[in-house]
């Protein structure tokens, strides 16, 4: 059986991101799934709180997945480029 990887572009929407990852962890096929996260850098200080919460959350271990790889952008690249770089 072939398992598709999951790509998740994100920046600051912590609550949505947290619920997504927690839901994926419960999937019975998670142990076969590679997850790739593109964490974009906030373009202004108003987005830093959510960004920092995601950064802190990603310090946990995610052993439920085959792998979890985070690409933490050093500058804001925007939604479309973040998705393109993840692909």
Foldseek 3Di string as FASTA:
>chain_A
DDDDEEEAEEEFPQVVVVVVLVVLLPDPCQQVYEYEYEHFYDPDPVRVVRRVNVVVVVVDDSNSHVYYHYHYDPHGPDDVVSVVVRD
